[in-house]
Amino acid sequence: MILCYDGDFPELSRLLAVKGAEVIVRPSALLRSFDIWHITNSARAYDNHVYVVATNAVGPDAGGSYYFGHSMIVNPIAWRLAQARGGEEIIAARLNPDPLRYVTWGSK
C-alpha cells in the first residue's frame, strides 16, 4: 500500500514490486488535477508491472475543499479497467494474474 502523495514518486512502488507485490493499493485525498492522478497511477502500474487500485476522496470537506473522486483500477500495461466518475461510486474489475505473469516474465 502507498498513501496519497507517495504515489507521485516511483521509489516506494518499486520497492513493493521488487518485494513481490502484484497489486498496489493507493488510498488518497488529492485535490490536484485529474490528469496528474491518471498519469501517476498509470505510471506506477506500468513501471512496475503491477495492478494499481487507487481510491480518491470525493466531495467537499469541512474546510471547503472539494475532492474530485475518479477512483480507478489500472492494469500492468496502464489501461484503466474501471474508473469512478465525480461522485460516490463503487467500482470493480477482475484482476487476472495471467497477463501479469506474461508481462513480468524475465523482467524481475
PDB file of N, CA and C in Angstrom:
ATOM      1  N   MET A   1       0.848  -1.168   0.000  1.00  0.00           N
ATOM      2  CA  MET A   1       0.000   0.000   0.000  1.00  0.00           C
ATOM      3  C   MET A   1       0.896   1.234   0.000  1.00  0.00           C
ATOM      4  N   ILE A   2       0.518   2.185  -0.832  1.00  0.00           N
ATOM      5  CA  ILE A   2       1.148   3.501  -0.801  1.00  0.00           C
ATOM      6  C   ILE A   2       0.056   4.518  -0.506  1.00  0.00           C
ATOM      7  N   LEU A   3       0.396   5.564   0.192  1.00  0.00           N
ATOM      8  CA  LEU A   3      -0.602   6.543   0.605  1.00  0.00           C
ATOM      9  C   LEU A   3      -0.480   7.827  -0.199  1.00  0.00           C
ATOM     10  N   CYS A   4      -1.575   8.202  -0.823  1.00  0.00           N
ATOM     11  CA  CYS A   4      -1.784   9.514  -1.411  1.00  0.00           C
ATOM     12  C   CYS A   4      -0.590  10.021  -2.218  1.00  0.00           C
ATOM     13  N   TYR A   5       0.074  11.058  -1.727  1.00  0.00           N
ATOM     14  CA  TYR A   5       1.155  11.745  -2.434  1.00  0.00           C
ATOM     15  C   TYR A   5       2.348  10.833  -2.711  1.00  0.00           C
ATOM     16  N   ASP A   6       2.543   9.779  -1.900  1.00  0.00           N
ATOM     17  CA  ASP A   6       3.641   8.841  -2.145  1.00  0.00           C
ATOM     18  C   ASP A   6       3.543   8.215  -3.529  1.00  0.00           C
ATOM     19  N   GLY A   7       2.343   8.132  -4.075  1.00  0.00           N
ATOM     20  CA  GLY A   7       2.155   7.562  -5.401  1.00  0.00           C
ATOM     21  C   GLY A   7       2.665   8.438  -6.530  1.00  0.00           C
ATOM     22  N   ASP A   8       3.019   9.673  -6.224  1.00  0.00           N
ATOM     23  CA  ASP A   8       3.575  10.562  -7.247  1.00  0.00           C
ATOM     24  C   ASP A   8       5.039  10.259  -7.544  1.00  0.00           C
ATOM     25  N   PHE A   9       5.651   9.436  -6.727  1.00  0.00           N
ATOM     26  CA  PHE A   9       7.079   9.148  -6.862  1.00  0.00           C
ATOM     27  C   PHE A   9       7.283   7.647  -7.042  1.00  0.00           C
ATOM     28  N   PRO A  10       8.246   7.228  -7.851  1.00  0.00           N
ATOM     29  CA  PRO A  10       8.374   5.811  -8.203  1.00  0.00           C
ATOM     30  C   PRO A  10       9.003   4.909  -7.148  1.00  0.00           C
ATOM     31  N   GLU A  11       9.749   5.442  -6.213  1.00  0.00           N
ATOM     32  CA  GLU A  11      10.577   4.600  -5.352  1.00  0.00           C
ATOM     33  C   GLU A  11       9.790   3.620  -4.480  1.00  0.00           C
ATOM     34  N   LEU A  12       8.774   4.073  -3.798  1.00  0.00           N
ATOM     35  CA  LEU A  12       8.038   3.197  -2.886  1.00  0.00           C
ATOM     36  C   LEU A  12       7.294   2.101  -3.650  1.00  0.00           C
ATOM     37  N   SER A  13       6.693   2.454  -4.767  1.00  0.00           N
ATOM     38  CA  SER A  13       6.005   1.451  -5.594  1.00  0.00           C
ATOM     39  C   SER A  13       6.991   0.405  -6.098  1.00  0.00           C
ATOM     40  N   ARG A  14       8.168   0.856  -6.495  1.00  0.00           N
ATOM     41  CA  ARG A  14       9.178  -0.070  -6.998  1.00  0.00           C
ATOM     42  C   ARG A  14       9.618  -1.030  -5.899  1.00  0.00           C
ATOM     43  N   LEU A  15       9.814  -0.506  -4.707  1.00  0.00           N
ATOM     44  CA  LEU A  15      10.203  -1.351  -3.581  1.00  0.00           C
ATOM     45  C   LEU A  15       9.159  -2.436  -3.328  1.00  0.00           C
ATOM     46  N   LEU A  16       7.887  -2.066  -3.359  1.00  0.00           N
ATOM     47  CA  LEU A  16       6.820  -3.049  -3.161  1.00  0.00           C
ATOM     48  C   LEU A  16       6.831  -4.106  -4.265  1.00  0.00           C
ATOM     49  N   ALA A  17       7.028  -3.679  -5.512  1.00  0.00           N
ATOM     50  CA  ALA A  17       7.048  -4.620  -6.635  1.00  0.00           C
ATOM     51  C   ALA A  17       8.239  -5.571  -6.540  1.00  0.00           C
ATOM     52  N   VAL A  18       9.396  -5.061  -6.191  1.00  0.00           N
ATOM     53  CA  VAL A  18      10.586  -5.902  -6.052  1.00  0.00           C
ATOM     54  C   VAL A  18      10.384  -6.934  -4.947  1.00  0.00           C
ATOM     55  N   LYS A  19       9.624  -6.559  -3.919  1.00  0.00           N
ATOM     56  CA  LYS A  19       9.343  -7.496  -2.818  1.00  0.00           C
ATOM     57  C   LYS A  19       8.208  -8.460  -3.155  1.00  0.00           C
ATOM     58  N   GLY A  20       7.676  -8.369  -4.384  1.00  0.00           N
ATOM     59  CA  GLY A  20       6.691  -9.347  -4.825  1.00  0.00           C
ATOM     60  C   GLY A  20       5.256  -8.883  -4.931  1.00  0.00           C
ATOM     61  N   ALA A  21       4.984  -7.617  -4.671  1.00  0.00           N
ATOM     62  CA  ALA A  21       3.601  -7.132  -4.784  1.00  0.00           C
ATOM     63  C   ALA A  21       3.108  -7.264  -6.223  1.00  0.00           C
ATOM     64  N   GLU A  22       1.893  -7.728  -6.391  1.00  0.00           N
ATOM     65  CA  GLU A  22       1.258  -7.779  -7.705  1.00  0.00           C
ATOM     66  C   GLU A  22       0.141  -6.756  -7.817  1.00  0.00           C
ATOM     67  N   VAL A  23      -0.324  -6.254  -6.671  1.00  0.00           N
ATOM     68  CA  VAL A  23      -1.356  -5.219  -6.616  1.00  0.00           C
ATOM     69  C   VAL A  23      -0.893  -4.164  -5.615  1.00  0.00           C
ATOM     70  N   ILE A  24      -0.943  -2.911  -6.024  1.00  0.00           N
ATOM     71  CA  ILE A  24      -0.642  -1.803  -5.120  1.00  0.00           C
ATOM     72  C   ILE A  24      -1.928  -1.015  -4.914  1.00  0.00           C
ATOM     73  N   VAL A  25      -2.287  -0.809  -3.655  1.00  0.00           N
ATOM     74  CA  VAL A  25      -3.483  -0.045  -3.303  1.00  0.00           C
ATOM     75  C   VAL A  25      -3.030   1.351  -2.887  1.00  0.00           C
ATOM     76  N   ARG A  26      -3.715   2.375  -3.425  1.00  0.00           N
ATOM     77  CA  ARG A  26      -3.343   3.764  -3.154  1.00  0.00           C
ATOM     78  C   ARG A  26      -4.556   4.573  -2.685  1.00  0.00           C
ATOM     79  N   PRO A  27      -4.855   4.589  -1.392  1.00  0.00           N
ATOM     80  CA  PRO A  27      -5.914   5.471  -0.905  1.00  0.00           C
ATOM     81  C   PRO A  27      -5.398   6.913  -0.878  1.00  0.00           C
ATOM     82  N   SER A  28      -6.240   7.849  -1.301  1.00  0.00           N
ATOM     83  CA  SER A  28      -5.798   9.237  -1.447  1.00  0.00           C
ATOM     84  C   SER A  28      -6.903  10.224  -1.116  1.00  0.00           C
ATOM     85  N   ALA A  29      -6.465  11.442  -0.897  1.00  0.00           N
ATOM     86  CA  ALA A  29      -7.364  12.589  -0.776  1.00  0.00           C
ATOM     87  C   ALA A  29      -6.694  13.731  -1.540  1.00  0.00           C
ATOM     88  N   LEU A  30      -6.638  13.568  -2.856  1.00  0.00           N
ATOM     89  CA  LEU A  30      -5.933  14.533  -3.709  1.00  0.00           C
ATOM     90  C   LEU A  30      -6.875  15.613  -4.207  1.00  0.00           C
ATOM     91  N   LEU A  31      -6.362  16.817  -4.235  1.00  0.00           N
ATOM     92  CA  LEU A  31      -7.118  17.965  -4.734  1.00  0.00           C
ATOM     93  C   LEU A  31      -6.608  18.421  -6.096  1.00  0.00           C
ATOM     94  N   ARG A  32      -5.465  17.894  -6.527  1.00  0.00           N
ATOM     95  CA  ARG A  32      -4.881  18.340  -7.787  1.00  0.00           C
ATOM     96  C   ARG A  32      -5.669  17.815  -8.971  1.00  0.00           C
ATOM     97  N   SER A  33      -5.168  18.041 -10.149  1.00  0.00           N
ATOM     98  CA  SER A  33      -5.925  17.736 -11.366  1.00  0.00           C
ATOM     99  C   SER A  33      -6.089  16.239 -11.608  1.00  0.00           C
ATOM    100  N   PHE A  34      -7.164  15.907 -12.332  1.00  0.00           N
ATOM    101  CA  PHE A  34      -7.390  14.523 -12.739  1.00  0.00           C
ATOM    102  C   PHE A  34      -6.246  14.030 -13.606  1.00  0.00           C
ATOM    103  N   ASP A  35      -5.687  14.884 -14.450  1.00  0.00           N
ATOM    104  CA  ASP A  35      -4.600  14.458 -15.339  1.00  0.00           C
ATOM    105  C   ASP A  35      -3.414  13.911 -14.553  1.00  0.00           C
ATOM    106  N   ILE A  36      -3.013  14.597 -13.504  1.00  0.00           N
ATOM    107  CA  ILE A  36      -1.894  14.120 -12.684  1.00  0.00           C
ATOM    108  C   ILE A  36      -2.267  12.811 -11.999  1.00  0.00           C
ATOM    109  N   TRP A  37      -3.479  12.708 -11.508  1.00  0.00           N
ATOM    110  CA  TRP A  37      -3.979  11.485 -10.870  1.00  0.00           C
ATOM    111  C   TRP A  37      -3.899  10.312 -11.843  1.00  0.00           C
ATOM    112  N   HIS A  38      -4.382  10.505 -13.046  1.00  0.00           N
ATOM    113  CA  HIS A  38      -4.360   9.448 -14.052  1.00  0.00           C
ATOM    114  C   HIS A  38      -2.929   9.079 -14.437  1.00  0.00           C
ATOM    115  N   ILE A  39      -2.098  10.074 -14.694  1.00  0.00           N
ATOM    116  CA  ILE A  39      -0.718   9.818 -15.117  1.00  0.00           C
ATOM    117  C   ILE A  39       0.054   9.059 -14.043  1.00  0.00           C
ATOM    118  N   THR A  40      -0.036   9.487 -12.796  1.00  0.00           N
ATOM    119  CA  THR A  40       0.761   8.834 -11.753  1.00  0.00           C
ATOM    120  C   THR A  40       0.287   7.410 -11.481  1.00  0.00           C
ATOM    121  N   ASN A  41      -1.004   7.165 -11.489  1.00  0.00           N
ATOM    122  CA  ASN A  41      -1.489   5.793 -11.287  1.00  0.00           C
ATOM    123  C   ASN A  41      -1.086   4.895 -12.446  1.00  0.00           C
ATOM    124  N   SER A  42      -1.202   5.389 -13.661  1.00  0.00           N
ATOM    125  CA  SER A  42      -0.810   4.610 -14.839  1.00  0.00           C
ATOM    126  C   SER A  42       0.689   4.347 -14.842  1.00  0.00           C
ATOM    127  N   ALA A  43       1.473   5.351 -14.488  1.00  0.00           N
ATOM    128  CA  ALA A  43       2.932   5.192 -14.463  1.00  0.00           C
ATOM    129  C   ALA A  43       3.364   4.158 -13.437  1.00  0.00           C
ATOM    130  N   ARG A  44       2.785   4.204 -12.230  1.00  0.00           N
ATOM    131  CA  ARG A  44       3.170   3.228 -11.207  1.00  0.00           C
ATOM    132  C   ARG A  44       2.801   1.812 -11.644  1.00  0.00           C
ATOM    133  N   ALA A  45       1.676   1.636 -12.304  1.00  0.00           N
ATOM    134  CA  ALA A  45       1.286   0.308 -12.795  1.00  0.00           C
ATOM    135  C   ALA A  45       2.248  -0.164 -13.880  1.00  0.00           C
ATOM    136  N   TYR A  46       2.504   0.691 -14.852  1.00  0.00           N
ATOM    137  CA  TYR A  46       3.339   0.313 -15.994  1.00  0.00           C
ATOM    138  C   TYR A  46       4.802   0.134 -15.589  1.00  0.00           C
ATOM    139  N   ASP A  47       5.329   1.057 -14.796  1.00  0.00           N
ATOM    140  CA  ASP A  47       6.733   0.981 -14.365  1.00  0.00           C
ATOM    141  C   ASP A  47       7.050  -0.328 -13.663  1.00  0.00           C
ATOM    142  N   ASN A  48       6.096  -0.821 -12.897  1.00  0.00           N
ATOM    143  CA  ASN A  48       6.354  -1.958 -12.015  1.00  0.00           C
ATOM    144  C   ASN A  48       5.628  -3.232 -12.407  1.00  0.00           C
ATOM    145  N   HIS A  49       4.879  -3.203 -13.499  1.00  0.00           N
ATOM    146  CA  HIS A  49       4.122  -4.371 -13.967  1.00  0.00           C
ATOM    147  C   HIS A  49       3.210  -4.905 -12.869  1.00  0.00           C
ATOM    148  N   VAL A  50       2.456  -3.995 -12.257  1.00  0.00           N
ATOM    149  CA  VAL A  50       1.511  -4.352 -11.197  1.00  0.00           C
ATOM    150  C   VAL A  50       0.156  -3.726 -11.500  1.00  0.00           C
ATOM    151  N   TYR A  51      -0.866  -4.219 -10.831  1.00  0.00           N
ATOM    152  CA  TYR A  51      -2.159  -3.543 -10.844  1.00  0.00           C
ATOM    153  C   TYR A  51      -2.108  -2.427  -9.808  1.00  0.00           C
ATOM    154  N   VAL A  52      -2.769  -1.318 -10.090  1.00  0.00           N
ATOM    155  CA  VAL A  52      -2.916  -0.238  -9.117  1.00  0.00           C
ATOM    156  C   VAL A  52      -4.407  -0.017  -8.880  1.00  0.00           C
ATOM    157  N   VAL A  53      -4.808  -0.127  -7.620  1.00  0.00           N
ATOM    158  CA  VAL A  53      -6.176   0.170  -7.205  1.00  0.00           C
ATOM    159  C   VAL A  53      -6.089   1.480  -6.422  1.00  0.00           C
ATOM    160  N   ALA A  54      -6.531   2.559  -7.048  1.00  0.00           N
ATOM    161  CA  ALA A  54      -6.358   3.896  -6.486  1.00  0.00           C
ATOM    162  C   ALA A  54      -7.713   4.494  -6.126  1.00  0.00           C
ATOM    163  N   THR A  55      -7.897   4.784  -4.855  1.00  0.00           N
ATOM    164  CA  THR A  55      -9.144   5.396  -4.399  1.00  0.00           C
ATOM    165  C   THR A  55      -8.880   6.849  -4.036  1.00  0.00           C
ATOM    166  N   ASN A  56      -9.822   7.707  -4.356  1.00  0.00           N
ATOM    167  CA  ASN A  56      -9.676   9.117  -4.022  1.00  0.00           C
ATOM    168  C   ASN A  56     -10.949   9.613  -3.352  1.00  0.00           C
ATOM    169  N   ALA A  57     -10.768  10.484  -2.384  1.00  0.00           N
ATOM    170  CA  ALA A  57     -11.917  11.097  -1.713  1.00  0.00           C
ATOM    171  C   ALA A  57     -12.761  11.854  -2.736  1.00  0.00           C
ATOM    172  N   VAL A  58     -14.039  12.022  -2.410  1.00  0.00           N
ATOM    173  CA  VAL A  58     -14.935  12.731  -3.323  1.00  0.00           C
ATOM    174  C   VAL A  58     -15.849  13.648  -2.514  1.00  0.00           C
ATOM    175  N   GLY A  59     -16.081  14.826  -3.060  1.00  0.00           N
ATOM    176  CA  GLY A  59     -16.991  15.771  -2.428  1.00  0.00           C
ATOM    177  C   GLY A  59     -16.282  16.761  -1.521  1.00  0.00           C
ATOM    178  N   PRO A  60     -17.064  17.619  -0.866  1.00  0.00           N
ATOM    179  CA  PRO A  60     -16.484  18.675  -0.030  1.00  0.00           C
ATOM    180  C   PRO A  60     -16.069  18.155   1.347  1.00  0.00           C
ATOM    181  N   ASP A  61     -15.061  18.805   1.918  1.00  0.00           N
ATOM    182  CA  ASP A  61     -14.709  18.518   3.306  1.00  0.00           C
ATOM    183  C   ASP A  61     -15.135  19.697   4.182  1.00  0.00           C
ATOM    184  N   ALA A  62     -14.885  19.601   5.471  1.00  0.00           N
ATOM    185  CA  ALA A  62     -15.332  20.640   6.410  1.00  0.00           C
ATOM    186  C   ALA A  62     -14.670  21.991   6.156  1.00  0.00           C
ATOM    187  N   GLY A  63     -13.484  21.978   5.536  1.00  0.00           N
ATOM    188  CA  GLY A  63     -12.767  23.219   5.267  1.00  0.00           C
ATOM    189  C   GLY A  63     -13.143  23.880   3.960  1.00  0.00           C
ATOM    190  N   GLY A  64     -14.036  23.259   3.205  1.00  0.00           N
ATOM    191  CA  GLY A  64     -14.475  23.839   1.947  1.00  0.00           C
ATOM    192  C   GLY A  64     -13.738  23.343   0.717  1.00  0.00           C
ATOM    193  N   SER A  65     -12.749  22.470   0.902  1.00  0.00           N
ATOM    194  CA  SER A  65     -12.065  21.888  -0.255  1.00  0.00           C
ATOM    195  C   SER A  65     -12.972  20.848  -0.897  1.00  0.00           C
ATOM    196  N   TYR A  66     -12.823  20.652  -2.198  1.00  0.00           N
ATOM    197  CA  TYR A  66     -13.654  19.686  -2.909  1.00  0.00           C
ATOM    198  C   TYR A  66     -12.752  18.654  -3.580  1.00  0.00           C
ATOM    199  N   TYR A  67     -12.959  17.389  -3.250  1.00  0.00           N
ATOM    200  CA  TYR A  67     -12.173  16.295  -3.813  1.00  0.00           C
ATOM    201  C   TYR A  67     -12.888  15.740  -5.036  1.00  0.00           C
ATOM    202  N   PHE A  68     -12.128  15.493  -6.099  1.00  0.00           N
ATOM    203  CA  PHE A  68     -12.725  15.167  -7.396  1.00  0.00           C
ATOM    204  C   PHE A  68     -13.065  13.700  -7.602  1.00  0.00           C
ATOM    205  N   GLY A  69     -12.660  12.819  -6.704  1.00  0.00           N
ATOM    206  CA  GLY A  69     -13.001  11.405  -6.861  1.00  0.00           C
ATOM    207  C   GLY A  69     -12.199  10.732  -7.960  1.00  0.00           C
ATOM    208  N   HIS A  70     -12.885  10.083  -8.893  1.00  0.00           N
ATOM    209  CA  HIS A  70     -12.262   9.385 -10.019  1.00  0.00           C
ATOM    210  C   HIS A  70     -11.334   8.258  -9.569  1.00  0.00           C
ATOM    211  N   SER A  71     -11.772   7.486  -8.566  1.00  0.00           N
ATOM    212  CA  SER A  71     -11.025   6.286  -8.195  1.00  0.00           C
ATOM    213  C   SER A  71     -10.881   5.416  -9.429  1.00  0.00           C
ATOM    214  N   MET A  72      -9.808   4.625  -9.486  1.00  0.00           N
ATOM    215  CA  MET A  72      -9.572   3.822 -10.686  1.00  0.00           C
ATOM    216  C   MET A  72      -8.812   2.549 -10.377  1.00  0.00           C
ATOM    217  N   ILE A  73      -8.940   1.603 -11.292  1.00  0.00           N
ATOM    218  CA  ILE A  73      -8.172   0.364 -11.255  1.00  0.00           C
ATOM    219  C   ILE A  73      -7.423   0.300 -12.577  1.00  0.00           C
ATOM    220  N   VAL A  74      -6.088   0.199 -12.488  1.00  0.00           N
ATOM    221  CA  VAL A  74      -5.228   0.243 -13.673  1.00  0.00           C
ATOM    222  C   VAL A  74      -4.472  -1.077 -13.779  1.00  0.00           C
ATOM    223  N   ASN A  75      -4.375  -1.618 -14.987  1.00  0.00           N
ATOM    224  CA  ASN A  75      -3.670  -2.890 -15.158  1.00  0.00           C
ATOM    225  C   ASN A  75      -2.176  -2.666 -15.426  1.00  0.00           C
ATOM    226  N   PRO A  76      -1.381  -3.747 -15.483  1.00  0.00           N
ATOM    227  CA  PRO A  76       0.069  -3.610 -15.621  1.00  0.00           C
ATOM    228  C   PRO A  76       0.545  -2.956 -16.920  1.00  0.00           C
ATOM    229  N   ILE A  77      -0.315  -2.827 -17.913  1.00  0.00           N
ATOM    230  CA  ILE A  77       0.098  -2.109 -19.123  1.00  0.00           C
ATOM    231  C   ILE A  77      -0.605  -0.760 -19.218  1.00  0.00           C
ATOM    232  N   ALA A  78      -1.013  -0.246 -18.064  1.00  0.00           N
ATOM    233  CA  ALA A  78      -1.529   1.117 -17.892  1.00  0.00           C
ATOM    234  C   ALA A  78      -2.907   1.364 -18.486  1.00  0.00           C
ATOM    235  N   TRP A  79      -3.689   0.317 -18.708  1.00  0.00           N
ATOM    236  CA  TRP A  79      -5.071   0.509 -19.163  1.00  0.00           C
ATOM    237  C   TRP A  79      -5.968   0.615 -17.940  1.00  0.00           C
ATOM    238  N   ARG A  80      -6.883   1.565 -17.965  1.00  0.00           N
ATOM    239  CA  ARG A  80      -7.863   1.681 -16.884  1.00  0.00           C
ATOM    240  C   ARG A  80      -8.928   0.597 -17.059  1.00  0.00           C
ATOM    241  N   LEU A  81      -9.021  -0.296 -16.108  1.00  0.00           N
ATOM    242  CA  LEU A  81     -10.028  -1.357 -16.154  1.00  0.00           C
ATOM    243  C   LEU A  81     -11.366  -0.871 -15.626  1.00  0.00           C
ATOM    244  N   ALA A  82     -11.325   0.086 -14.711  1.00  0.00           N
ATOM    245  CA  ALA A  82     -12.542   0.675 -14.142  1.00  0.00           C
ATOM    246  C   ALA A  82     -12.191   2.063 -13.636  1.00  0.00           C
ATOM    247  N   GLN A  83     -13.179   2.953 -13.714  1.00  0.00           N
ATOM    248  CA  GLN A  83     -12.967   4.301 -13.194  1.00  0.00           C
ATOM    249  C   GLN A  83     -14.283   4.883 -12.722  1.00  0.00           C
ATOM    250  N   ALA A  84     -14.247   5.452 -11.536  1.00  0.00           N
ATOM    251  CA  ALA A  84     -15.423   6.133 -10.998  1.00  0.00           C
ATOM    252  C   ALA A  84     -15.540   7.514 -11.630  1.00  0.00           C
ATOM    253  N   ARG A  85     -16.731   8.041 -11.570  1.00  0.00           N
ATOM    254  CA  ARG A  85     -16.945   9.410 -12.034  1.00  0.00           C
ATOM    255  C   ARG A  85     -16.700  10.357 -10.864  1.00  0.00           C
ATOM    256  N   GLY A  86     -17.265  11.506 -10.891  1.00  0.00           N
ATOM    257  CA  GLY A  86     -17.002  12.511  -9.874  1.00  0.00           C
ATOM    258  C   GLY A  86     -17.857  12.424  -8.630  1.00  0.00           C
ATOM    259  N   GLY A  87     -18.652  11.376  -8.472  1.00  0.00           N
ATOM    260  CA  GLY A  87     -19.483  11.226  -7.279  1.00  0.00           C
ATOM    261  C   GLY A  87     -19.140   9.944  -6.545  1.00  0.00           C
ATOM    262  N   GLU A  88     -19.880   9.677  -5.472  1.00  0.00           N
ATOM    263  CA  GLU A  88     -19.667   8.426  -4.745  1.00  0.00           C
ATOM    264  C   GLU A  88     -20.066   7.262  -5.636  1.00  0.00           C
ATOM    265  N   GLU A  89     -19.215   6.270  -5.694  1.00  0.00           N
ATOM    266  CA  GLU A  89     -19.454   5.144  -6.595  1.00  0.00           C
ATOM    267  C   GLU A  89     -18.581   3.972  -6.168  1.00  0.00           C
ATOM    268  N   ILE A  90     -19.058   2.769  -6.406  1.00  0.00           N
ATOM    269  CA  ILE A  90     -18.268   1.561  -6.201  1.00  0.00           C
ATOM    270  C   ILE A  90     -17.843   1.066  -7.569  1.00  0.00           C
ATOM    271  N   ILE A  91     -16.546   0.783  -7.714  1.00  0.00           N
ATOM    272  CA  ILE A  91     -16.050   0.224  -8.968  1.00  0.00           C
ATOM    273  C   ILE A  91     -15.429  -1.138  -8.675  1.00  0.00           C
ATOM    274  N   ALA A  92     -15.354  -1.963  -9.692  1.00  0.00           N
ATOM    275  CA  ALA A  92     -14.766  -3.292  -9.544  1.00  0.00           C
ATOM    276  C   ALA A  92     -14.177  -3.722 -10.876  1.00  0.00           C
ATOM    277  N   ALA A  93     -13.206  -4.589 -10.813  1.00  0.00           N
ATOM    278  CA  ALA A  93     -12.611  -5.177 -12.014  1.00  0.00           C
ATOM    279  C   ALA A  93     -12.004  -6.519 -11.634  1.00  0.00           C
ATOM    280  N   ARG A  94     -11.972  -7.407 -12.581  1.00  0.00           N
ATOM    281  CA  ARG A  94     -11.330  -8.703 -12.374  1.00  0.00           C
ATOM    282  C   ARG A  94      -9.831  -8.530 -12.638  1.00  0.00           C
ATOM    283  N   LEU A  95      -9.025  -8.891 -11.642  1.00  0.00           N
ATOM    284  CA  LEU A  95      -7.574  -8.800 -11.780  1.00  0.00           C
ATOM    285  C   LEU A  95      -7.052 -10.183 -12.123  1.00  0.00           C
ATOM    286  N   ASN A  96      -6.745 -10.382 -13.363  1.00  0.00           N
ATOM    287  CA  ASN A  96      -6.315 -11.672 -13.879  1.00  0.00           C
ATOM    288  C   ASN A  96      -4.797 -11.792 -13.748  1.00  0.00           C
ATOM    289  N   PRO A  97      -4.289 -12.786 -13.020  1.00  0.00           N
ATOM    290  CA  PRO A  97      -2.840 -12.905 -12.856  1.00  0.00           C
ATOM    291  C   PRO A  97      -2.112 -13.370 -14.112  1.00  0.00           C
ATOM    292  N   ASP A  98      -2.795 -13.964 -15.075  1.00  0.00           N
ATOM    293  CA  ASP A  98      -2.104 -14.464 -16.265  1.00  0.00           C
ATOM    294  C   ASP A  98      -1.424 -13.364 -17.073  1.00  0.00           C
ATOM    295  N   PRO A  99      -2.102 -12.253 -17.410  1.00  0.00           N
ATOM    296  CA  PRO A  99      -1.382 -11.194 -18.121  1.00  0.00           C
ATOM    297  C   PRO A  99      -0.241 -10.625 -17.290  1.00  0.00           C
ATOM    298  N   LEU A 100      -0.414 -10.595 -15.978  1.00  0.00           N
ATOM    299  CA  LEU A 100       0.634 -10.103 -15.098  1.00  0.00           C
ATOM    300  C   LEU A 100       1.874 -10.976 -15.225  1.00  0.00           C
ATOM    301  N   ARG A 101       1.702 -12.274 -15.226  1.00  0.00           N
ATOM    302  CA  ARG A 101       2.847 -13.182 -15.369  1.00  0.00           C
ATOM    303  C   ARG A 101       3.484 -13.038 -16.746  1.00  0.00           C
ATOM    304  N   TYR A 102       2.681 -12.831 -17.769  1.00  0.00           N
ATOM    305  CA  TYR A 102       3.214 -12.673 -19.121  1.00  0.00           C
ATOM    306  C   TYR A 102       4.059 -11.405 -19.225  1.00  0.00           C
ATOM    307  N   VAL A 103       3.554 -10.318 -18.667  1.00  0.00           N
ATOM    308  CA  VAL A 103       4.269  -9.044 -18.735  1.00  0.00           C
ATOM    309  C   VAL A 103       5.552  -9.102 -17.928  1.00  0.00           C
ATOM    310  N   THR A 104       5.530  -9.752 -16.758  1.00  0.00           N
ATOM    311  CA  THR A 104       6.689  -9.720 -15.874  1.00  0.00           C
ATOM    312  C   THR A 104       7.678 -10.856 -16.104  1.00  0.00           C
ATOM    313  N   TRP A 105       7.360 -11.821 -16.952  1.00  0.00           N
ATOM    314  CA  TRP A 105       8.273 -12.940 -17.160  1.00  0.00           C
ATOM    315  C   TRP A 105       9.631 -12.414 -17.610  1.00  0.00           C
ATOM    316  N   GLY A 106      10.652 -12.747 -16.872  1.00  0.00           N
ATOM    317  CA  GLY A 106      12.009 -12.361 -17.229  1.00  0.00           C
ATOM    318  C   GLY A 106      12.360 -10.910 -16.940  1.00  0.00           C
ATOM    319  N   SER A 107      11.436 -10.136 -16.371  1.00  0.00           N
ATOM    320  CA  SER A 107      11.733  -8.716 -16.161  1.00  0.00           C
ATOM    321  C   SER A 107      12.069  -8.377 -14.717  1.00  0.00           C
ATOM    322  N   LYS A 108      12.022  -9.362 -13.830  1.00  0.00           N
ATOM    323  CA  LYS A 108      12.354  -9.074 -12.419  1.00  0.00           C
ATOM    324  C   LYS A 108      13.656  -9.729 -12.042  1.00  0.00           C
TER     325      LYS A 108
END
